Structure formats: C-alpha cells, structure tokens
PDB file of N, CA and C in Angstrom:
ATOM      1  N   UNK A   1       0.734  -1.130   0.015  1.00  0.00           N
ATOM      2  CA  UNK A   1       0.253  -0.149   0.130  1.00  0.00           C
ATOM      3  C   UNK A   1       0.969   1.378   0.054  1.00  0.00           C
ATOM      4  N   UNK A   2       0.410   2.148  -0.905  1.00  0.00           N
ATOM      5  CA  UNK A   2       1.491   3.262  -0.789  1.00  0.00           C
ATOM      6  C   UNK A   2       1.218   4.103   0.563  1.00  0.00           C
ATOM      7  N   UNK A   3       2.117   5.196   0.933  1.00  0.00           N
ATOM      8  CA  UNK A   3       2.061   5.763   2.059  1.00  0.00           C
ATOM      9  C   UNK A   3       0.986   6.877   2.054  1.00  0.00           C
ATOM     10  N   UNK A   4      -0.108   6.958   2.465  1.00  0.00           N
ATOM     11  CA  UNK A   4      -0.939   8.167   2.464  1.00  0.00           C
ATOM     12  C   UNK A   4      -1.110   8.774   4.231  1.00  0.00           C
ATOM     13  N   UNK A   5      -1.767   9.909   3.975  1.00  0.00           N
ATOM     14  CA  UNK A   5      -1.804  10.318   5.322  1.00  0.00           C
ATOM     15  C   UNK A   5      -3.159   9.793   5.782  1.00  0.00           C
ATOM     16  N   UNK A   6      -3.622  10.097   7.152  1.00  0.00           N
ATOM     17  CA  UNK A   6      -4.558   9.517   7.740  1.00  0.00           C
ATOM     18  C   UNK A   6      -5.852   9.980   7.158  1.00  0.00           C
ATOM     19  N   UNK A   7      -5.680  11.320   6.889  1.00  0.00           N
ATOM     20  CA  UNK A   7      -7.067  12.139   6.489  1.00  0.00           C
ATOM     21  C   UNK A   7      -7.026  11.832   4.769  1.00  0.00           C
ATOM     22  N   UNK A   8      -6.096  11.442   3.911  1.00  0.00           N
ATOM     23  CA  UNK A   8      -6.138  10.965   2.678  1.00  0.00           C
ATOM     24  C   UNK A   8      -7.052   9.681   2.732  1.00  0.00           C
ATOM     25  N   UNK A   9      -6.541   8.809   3.935  1.00  0.00           N
ATOM     26  CA  UNK A   9      -7.365   7.781   3.715  1.00  0.00           C
ATOM     27  C   UNK A   9      -8.623   7.665   4.061  1.00  0.00           C
ATOM     28  N   UNK A  10      -9.117   8.429   5.209  1.00  0.00           N
ATOM     29  CA  UNK A  10     -10.008   8.697   5.367  1.00  0.00           C
ATOM     30  C   UNK A  10     -11.154   9.378   4.061  1.00  0.00           C
ATOM     31  N   UNK A  11     -10.272  10.245   3.576  1.00  0.00           N
ATOM     32  CA  UNK A  11     -11.129  10.769   2.056  1.00  0.00           C
ATOM     33  C   UNK A  11     -11.349   9.523   1.310  1.00  0.00           C
ATOM     34  N   UNK A  12     -10.462   8.421   1.222  1.00  0.00           N
ATOM     35  CA  UNK A  12     -10.681   7.406   0.074  1.00  0.00           C
ATOM     36  C   UNK A  12     -12.111   6.425   0.584  1.00  0.00           C
ATOM     37  N   UNK A  13     -12.161   6.536   2.096  1.00  0.00           N
ATOM     38  CA  UNK A  13     -12.952   5.792   2.637  1.00  0.00           C
ATOM     39  C   UNK A  13     -14.372   6.372   2.031  1.00  0.00           C
ATOM     40  N   UNK A  14     -14.279   7.854   2.647  1.00  0.00           N
ATOM     41  CA  UNK A  14     -15.627   8.655   2.388  1.00  0.00           C
ATOM     42  C   UNK A  14     -15.730   8.725   0.745  1.00  0.00           C
ATOM     43  N   UNK A  15     -14.995   8.347  -0.108  1.00  0.00           N
ATOM     44  CA  UNK A  15     -15.516   8.069  -1.584  1.00  0.00           C
ATOM     45  C   UNK A  15     -15.893   6.822  -1.826  1.00  0.00           C
ATOM     46  N   UNK A  16     -15.475   5.826  -1.246  1.00  0.00           N
ATOM     47  CA  UNK A  16     -16.253   4.454  -1.378  1.00  0.00           C
ATOM     48  C   UNK A  16     -17.662   4.397  -0.598  1.00  0.00           C
ATOM     49  N   UNK A  17     -17.690   5.404   0.493  1.00  0.00           N
ATOM     50  CA  UNK A  17     -19.183   5.076   1.035  1.00  0.00           C
ATOM     51  C   UNK A  17     -20.197   6.188  -0.093  1.00  0.00           C
ATOM     52  N   UNK A  18     -19.681   7.216  -0.863  1.00  0.00           N
ATOM     53  CA  UNK A  18     -20.747   7.661  -1.877  1.00  0.00           C
ATOM     54  C   UNK A  18     -21.216   6.522  -2.700  1.00  0.00           C
ATOM     55  N   UNK A  19     -20.592   5.260  -2.856  1.00  0.00           N
ATOM     56  CA  UNK A  19     -21.109   4.528  -3.653  1.00  0.00           C
ATOM     57  C   UNK A  19     -22.396   3.683  -3.400  1.00  0.00           C
ATOM     58  N   UNK A  20     -22.485   3.532  -1.787  1.00  0.00           N
ATOM     59  CA  UNK A  20     -23.229   2.721  -1.372  1.00  0.00           C
ATOM     60  C   UNK A  20     -24.336   3.463  -0.225  1.00  0.00           C
ATOM     61  N   UNK A  21     -24.204   4.950  -0.200  1.00  0.00           N
ATOM     62  CA  UNK A  21     -25.007   5.714   0.638  1.00  0.00           C
ATOM     63  C   UNK A  21     -25.647   6.991  -0.466  1.00  0.00           C
ATOM     64  N   UNK A  22     -26.702   7.457   0.095  1.00  0.00           N
ATOM     65  CA  UNK A  22     -27.261   8.391  -0.334  1.00  0.00           C
ATOM     66  C   UNK A  22     -26.561   9.774   0.184  1.00  0.00           C
ATOM     67  N   UNK A  23     -26.168  10.863  -0.690  1.00  0.00           N
ATOM     68  CA  UNK A  23     -25.808  11.884  -0.404  1.00  0.00           C
ATOM     69  C   UNK A  23     -26.025  12.501   1.056  1.00  0.00           C
ATOM     70  N   UNK A  24     -27.456  12.592   1.377  1.00  0.00           N
ATOM     71  CA  UNK A  24     -28.111  13.019   2.751  1.00  0.00           C
ATOM     72  C   UNK A  24     -27.416  12.366   3.654  1.00  0.00           C
ATOM     73  N   UNK A  25     -27.274  10.976   3.789  1.00  0.00           N
ATOM     74  CA  UNK A  25     -27.148  10.233   4.681  1.00  0.00           C
ATOM     75  C   UNK A  25     -25.337  10.501   4.715  1.00  0.00           C
ATOM     76  N   UNK A  26     -24.889  10.566   3.722  1.00  0.00           N
ATOM     77  CA  UNK A  26     -23.202  10.496   3.698  1.00  0.00           C
ATOM     78  C   UNK A  26     -23.102  12.054   4.483  1.00  0.00           C
ATOM     79  N   UNK A  27     -23.690  13.050   4.058  1.00  0.00           N
ATOM     80  CA  UNK A  27     -23.442  14.600   4.496  1.00  0.00           C
ATOM     81  C   UNK A  27     -23.765  14.281   5.837  1.00  0.00           C
ATOM     82  N   UNK A  28     -24.818  13.575   6.403  1.00  0.00           N
ATOM     83  CA  UNK A  28     -25.131  13.934   8.104  1.00  0.00           C
ATOM     84  C   UNK A  28     -24.205  13.190   8.733  1.00  0.00           C
ATOM     85  N   UNK A  29     -24.227  11.889   8.374  1.00  0.00           N
ATOM     86  CA  UNK A  29     -23.292  10.854   9.361  1.00  0.00           C
ATOM     87  C   UNK A  29     -21.904  10.995   9.128  1.00  0.00           C
ATOM     88  N   UNK A  30     -21.233  10.773   8.271  1.00  0.00           N
ATOM     89  CA  UNK A  30     -20.069  10.634   7.905  1.00  0.00           C
ATOM     90  C   UNK A  30     -19.147  12.027   7.792  1.00  0.00           C
ATOM     91  N   UNK A  31     -19.433  12.775   6.992  1.00  0.00           N
ATOM     92  CA  UNK A  31     -18.947  14.161   7.123  1.00  0.00           C
ATOM     93  C   UNK A  31     -18.422  14.694   8.163  1.00  0.00           C
ATOM     94  N   UNK A  32     -19.055  14.566   9.138  1.00  0.00           N
ATOM     95  CA  UNK A  32     -18.853  15.316  10.446  1.00  0.00           C
ATOM     96  C   UNK A  32     -17.880  14.518  11.256  1.00  0.00           C
ATOM     97  N   UNK A  33     -17.546  13.131  10.761  1.00  0.00           N
ATOM     98  CA  UNK A  33     -16.643  12.606  11.473  1.00  0.00           C
ATOM     99  C   UNK A  33     -14.845  12.910  10.971  1.00  0.00           C
ATOM    100  N   UNK A  34     -14.135  12.688  11.934  1.00  0.00           N
ATOM    101  CA  UNK A  34     -12.630  13.093  11.500  1.00  0.00           C
ATOM    102  C   UNK A  34     -12.018  12.116  11.845  1.00  0.00           C
ATOM    103  N   UNK A  35     -11.080  11.593  11.553  1.00  0.00           N
ATOM    104  CA  UNK A  35      -9.902  10.689  11.331  1.00  0.00           C
ATOM    105  C   UNK A  35      -9.030  11.026  12.462  1.00  0.00           C
ATOM    106  N   UNK A  36      -8.862  10.417  13.722  1.00  0.00           N
ATOM    107  CA  UNK A  36      -7.771  10.871  14.785  1.00  0.00           C
ATOM    108  C   UNK A  36      -6.329  10.117  14.428  1.00  0.00           C
ATOM    109  N   UNK A  37      -6.523   9.036  14.241  1.00  0.00           N
ATOM    110  CA  UNK A  37      -5.168   8.243  14.006  1.00  0.00           C
ATOM    111  C   UNK A  37      -5.562   6.535  12.908  1.00  0.00           C
ATOM    112  N   UNK A  38      -4.431   6.255  12.715  1.00  0.00           N
ATOM    113  CA  UNK A  38      -4.915   5.179  12.021  1.00  0.00           C
ATOM    114  C   UNK A  38      -3.185   4.555  12.077  1.00  0.00           C
ATOM    115  N   UNK A  39      -3.349   3.038  11.707  1.00  0.00           N
ATOM    116  CA  UNK A  39      -2.158   2.470  11.554  1.00  0.00           C
ATOM    117  C   UNK A  39      -2.655   1.059  10.695  1.00  0.00           C
ATOM    118  N   UNK A  40      -2.110   0.220  10.376  1.00  0.00           N
ATOM    119  CA  UNK A  40      -2.167  -0.889   9.371  1.00  0.00           C
ATOM    120  C   UNK A  40      -3.558  -1.562   9.700  1.00  0.00           C
ATOM    121  N   UNK A  41      -3.976  -1.574  10.705  1.00  0.00           N
ATOM    122  CA  UNK A  41      -5.194  -2.489  11.474  1.00  0.00           C
ATOM    123  C   UNK A  41      -6.355  -2.045  12.040  1.00  0.00           C
ATOM    124  N   UNK A  42      -6.124  -0.598  12.382  1.00  0.00           N
ATOM    125  CA  UNK A  42      -6.979   0.230  13.085  1.00  0.00           C
ATOM    126  C   UNK A  42      -7.203   1.422  12.760  1.00  0.00           C
ATOM    127  N   UNK A  43      -8.405   2.268  12.491  1.00  0.00           N
ATOM    128  CA  UNK A  43      -8.442   3.429  12.652  1.00  0.00           C
ATOM    129  C   UNK A  43      -9.562   3.810  13.768  1.00  0.00           C
ATOM    130  N   UNK A  44      -8.988   5.389  14.061  1.00  0.00           N
ATOM    131  CA  UNK A  44      -9.847   5.663  15.249  1.00  0.00           C
ATOM    132  C   UNK A  44     -10.290   7.327  14.476  1.00  0.00           C
ATOM    133  N   UNK A  45     -11.576   7.134  14.877  1.00  0.00           N
ATOM    134  CA  UNK A  45     -12.368   8.388  14.053  1.00  0.00           C
ATOM    135  C   UNK A  45     -13.131   9.212  15.316  1.00  0.00           C
ATOM    136  N   UNK A  46     -13.138  10.508  15.358  1.00  0.00           N
ATOM    137  CA  UNK A  46     -13.857  11.148  16.300  1.00  0.00           C
ATOM    138  C   UNK A  46     -15.382  11.792  15.523  1.00  0.00           C
ATOM    139  N   UNK A  47     -15.926  11.288  16.586  1.00  0.00           N
ATOM    140  CA  UNK A  47     -17.571  11.759  16.460  1.00  0.00           C
ATOM    141  C   UNK A  47     -18.059  12.823  17.208  1.00  0.00           C
ATOM    142  N   UNK A  48     -18.888  13.650  16.374  1.00  0.00           N
ATOM    143  CA  UNK A  48     -19.169  15.087  17.157  1.00  0.00           C
ATOM    144  C   UNK A  48     -19.702  14.710  18.597  1.00  0.00           C
ATOM    145  N   UNK A  49     -20.455  13.373  18.967  1.00  0.00           N
ATOM    146  CA  UNK A  49     -21.096  13.139  19.871  1.00  0.00           C
ATOM    147  C   UNK A  49     -21.351  11.669  20.208  1.00  0.00           C
ATOM    148  N   UNK A  50     -21.703  11.175  21.407  1.00  0.00           N
ATOM    149  CA  UNK A  50     -21.964   9.713  21.368  1.00  0.00           C
ATOM    150  C   UNK A  50     -23.234   9.408  20.668  1.00  0.00           C
ATOM    151  N   UNK A  51     -24.235  10.072  20.359  1.00  0.00           N
ATOM    152  CA  UNK A  51     -25.457   9.857  19.579  1.00  0.00           C
ATOM    153  C   UNK A  51     -24.863   9.504  18.227  1.00  0.00           C
ATOM    154  N   UNK A  52     -23.976  10.231  17.453  1.00  0.00           N
ATOM    155  CA  UNK A  52     -23.177   9.764  15.964  1.00  0.00           C
ATOM    156  C   UNK A  52     -22.627   8.690  16.214  1.00  0.00           C
ATOM    157  N   UNK A  53     -21.601   8.446  17.320  1.00  0.00           N
ATOM    158  CA  UNK A  53     -21.302   7.303  17.222  1.00  0.00           C
ATOM    159  C   UNK A  53     -22.112   5.732  17.458  1.00  0.00           C
ATOM    160  N   UNK A  54     -23.063   6.097  18.180  1.00  0.00           N
ATOM    161  CA  UNK A  54     -24.433   4.972  18.384  1.00  0.00           C
ATOM    162  C   UNK A  54     -24.876   4.614  16.792  1.00  0.00           C
ATOM    163  N   UNK A  55     -25.217   5.909  16.408  1.00  0.00           N
ATOM    164  CA  UNK A  55     -26.391   5.716  15.125  1.00  0.00           C
ATOM    165  C   UNK A  55     -25.683   4.964  14.127  1.00  0.00           C
ATOM    166  N   UNK A  56     -24.305   5.396  14.149  1.00  0.00           N
ATOM    167  CA  UNK A  56     -23.245   5.085  12.760  1.00  0.00           C
ATOM    168  C   UNK A  56     -23.225   3.529  13.311  1.00  0.00           C
ATOM    169  N   UNK A  57     -22.771   3.102  14.345  1.00  0.00           N
ATOM    170  CA  UNK A  57     -22.608   1.657  14.306  1.00  0.00           C
ATOM    171  C   UNK A  57     -24.136   0.928  14.495  1.00  0.00           C
ATOM    172  N   UNK A  58     -25.188   1.653  14.738  1.00  0.00           N
ATOM    173  CA  UNK A  58     -26.034   0.767  14.545  1.00  0.00           C
ATOM    174  C   UNK A  58     -26.972   0.425  13.302  1.00  0.00           C
ATOM    175  N   UNK A  59     -26.462   1.821  12.439  1.00  0.00           N
ATOM    176  CA  UNK A  59     -27.199   1.774  11.094  1.00  0.00           C
ATOM    177  C   UNK A  59     -26.224   1.587   9.836  1.00  0.00           C
ATOM    178  N   UNK A  60     -25.134   1.506  10.166  1.00  0.00           N
ATOM    179  CA  UNK A  60     -23.936   1.826   9.120  1.00  0.00           C
ATOM    180  C   UNK A  60     -22.640   0.755   9.363  1.00  0.00           C
ATOM    181  N   UNK A  61     -22.639   0.345  10.193  1.00  0.00           N
ATOM    182  CA  UNK A  61     -21.508  -0.509  10.535  1.00  0.00           C
ATOM    183  C   UNK A  61     -21.220  -1.316   9.347  1.00  0.00           C
ATOM    184  N   UNK A  62     -21.988  -1.840   8.742  1.00  0.00           N
ATOM    185  CA  UNK A  62     -21.544  -2.901   7.441  1.00  0.00           C
ATOM    186  C   UNK A  62     -20.472  -1.917   6.348  1.00  0.00           C
ATOM    187  N   UNK A  63     -21.834  -1.086   6.009  1.00  0.00           N
ATOM    188  CA  UNK A  63     -20.956  -0.185   4.777  1.00  0.00           C
ATOM    189  C   UNK A  63     -19.744   0.571   5.333  1.00  0.00           C
ATOM    190  N   UNK A  64     -19.622   1.070   6.540  1.00  0.00           N
ATOM    191  CA  UNK A  64     -18.258   1.565   7.225  1.00  0.00           C
ATOM    192  C   UNK A  64     -17.017   0.747   7.012  1.00  0.00           C
ATOM    193  N   UNK A  65     -17.774  -0.585   7.463  1.00  0.00           N
ATOM    194  CA  UNK A  65     -16.533  -1.640   7.715  1.00  0.00           C
ATOM    195  C   UNK A  65     -16.104  -2.359   6.242  1.00  0.00           C
ATOM    196  N   UNK A  66     -17.205  -2.487   5.431  1.00  0.00           N
ATOM    197  CA  UNK A  66     -16.716  -2.731   4.053  1.00  0.00           C
ATOM    198  C   UNK A  66     -15.884  -1.880   3.287  1.00  0.00           C
ATOM    199  N   UNK A  67     -16.294  -0.508   3.382  1.00  0.00           N
ATOM    200  CA  UNK A  67     -15.423   0.713   2.817  1.00  0.00           C
ATOM    201  C   UNK A  67     -14.103   0.428   3.262  1.00  0.00           C
ATOM    202  N   UNK A  68     -14.011   0.689   4.686  1.00  0.00           N
ATOM    203  CA  UNK A  68     -12.771   0.496   5.130  1.00  0.00           C
ATOM    204  C   UNK A  68     -11.591  -0.454   4.662  1.00  0.00           C
ATOM    205  N   UNK A  69     -12.590  -1.845   4.696  1.00  0.00           N
ATOM    206  CA  UNK A  69     -11.666  -2.996   4.138  1.00  0.00           C
ATOM    207  C   UNK A  69     -11.236  -2.911   2.882  1.00  0.00           C
ATOM    208  N   UNK A  70     -12.028  -2.403   1.983  1.00  0.00           N
ATOM    209  CA  UNK A  70     -11.915  -2.030   0.355  1.00  0.00           C
ATOM    210  C   UNK A  70     -10.451  -1.146   0.433  1.00  0.00           C
ATOM    211  N   UNK A  71     -10.484   0.065   1.289  1.00  0.00           N
ATOM    212  CA  UNK A  71      -9.558   0.840   1.120  1.00  0.00           C
ATOM    213  C   UNK A  71      -8.010   0.429   1.511  1.00  0.00           C
ATOM    214  N   UNK A  72      -8.153  -0.396   3.049  1.00  0.00           N
ATOM    215  CA  UNK A  72      -7.088  -0.662   3.550  1.00  0.00           C
ATOM    216  C   UNK A  72      -6.447  -2.059   3.009  1.00  0.00           C
ATOM    217  N   UNK A  73      -7.283  -2.784   2.218  1.00  0.00           N
ATOM    218  CA  UNK A  73      -7.097  -4.151   1.567  1.00  0.00           C
ATOM    219  C   UNK A  73      -6.818  -4.930   2.577  1.00  0.00           C
ATOM    220  N   UNK A  74      -7.679  -5.124   3.442  1.00  0.00           N
ATOM    221  CA  UNK A  74      -7.496  -5.892   4.871  1.00  0.00           C
ATOM    222  C   UNK A  74      -8.475  -5.769   5.563  1.00  0.00           C
ATOM    223  N   UNK A  75      -8.876  -6.453   7.017  1.00  0.00           N
ATOM    224  CA  UNK A  75      -9.757  -6.391   7.852  1.00  0.00           C
ATOM    225  C   UNK A  75      -9.158  -4.953   8.968  1.00  0.00           C
ATOM    226  N   UNK A  76      -9.926  -4.137   8.831  1.00  0.00           N
ATOM    227  CA  UNK A  76      -9.449  -2.877   9.672  1.00  0.00           C
ATOM    228  C   UNK A  76     -10.561  -2.827  11.082  1.00  0.00           C
ATOM    229  N   UNK A  77     -10.101  -2.634  12.050  1.00  0.00           N
ATOM    230  CA  UNK A  77     -10.657  -2.168  13.604  1.00  0.00           C
ATOM    231  C   UNK A  77     -10.904  -0.881  13.590  1.00  0.00           C
ATOM    232  N   UNK A  78     -12.477  -0.691  13.673  1.00  0.00           N
ATOM    233  CA  UNK A  78     -12.745   0.986  13.812  1.00  0.00           C
ATOM    234  C   UNK A  78     -12.939   1.210  15.371  1.00  0.00           C
ATOM    235  N   UNK A  79     -12.546   2.473  15.697  1.00  0.00           N
ATOM    236  CA  UNK A  79     -12.489   3.033  17.202  1.00  0.00           C
ATOM    237  C   UNK A  79     -12.936   4.223  16.842  1.00  0.00           C
ATOM    238  N   UNK A  80     -14.076   4.578  18.129  1.00  0.00           N
ATOM    239  CA  UNK A  80     -14.322   5.798  17.930  1.00  0.00           C
ATOM    240  C   UNK A  80     -14.219   6.661  19.495  1.00  0.00           C
ATOM    241  N   UNK A  81     -13.544   7.979  19.193  1.00  0.00           N
ATOM    242  CA  UNK A  81     -13.399   9.109  20.392  1.00  0.00           C
ATOM    243  C   UNK A  81     -14.408   9.761  20.718  1.00  0.00           C
TER     244      UNK A  81
END
C-alpha cells in the first residue's frame, strides 16, 4: 500500500461510501467524522458526540467496515473517540 496520511485514507473511505449511501446520509453521518489516527489494522474516528457514534454503529456498521476493508485491502478495526 502506498503511503498516505490518515486524512487522505479517510477521504478514500468517504469516496467508497458515496457508492453505497445517498448524499444526505453521507453528509449527515459521515462528513462530520474526523480521522484521529490510523495504523495498518485500526482507524480511530472522532464523532461529534455519542449519538453519532451509536447511530453509525447501529445503522451503518457494515457499510463502514466494507469501505474500510476495501481501502486498506485488509480487515480494519474501527474505534470511536
């Protein structure tokens, strides 16, 4: 995998999510998230609040995991802070 910053990698994940989510869902739930850190097998995202974190995990966990795995070309653990 080429060397990319965590912001660039998160942008690639968002691009993947555009393929599976409508624009309103993407804008409402994913654009407010920020990538705090990443390594080979874990990404740490900052959510605006616990409600966002809970909603995303309850409603978009599969889509998020699929996009992360595609971008990173391996299984990636997601952590929210």
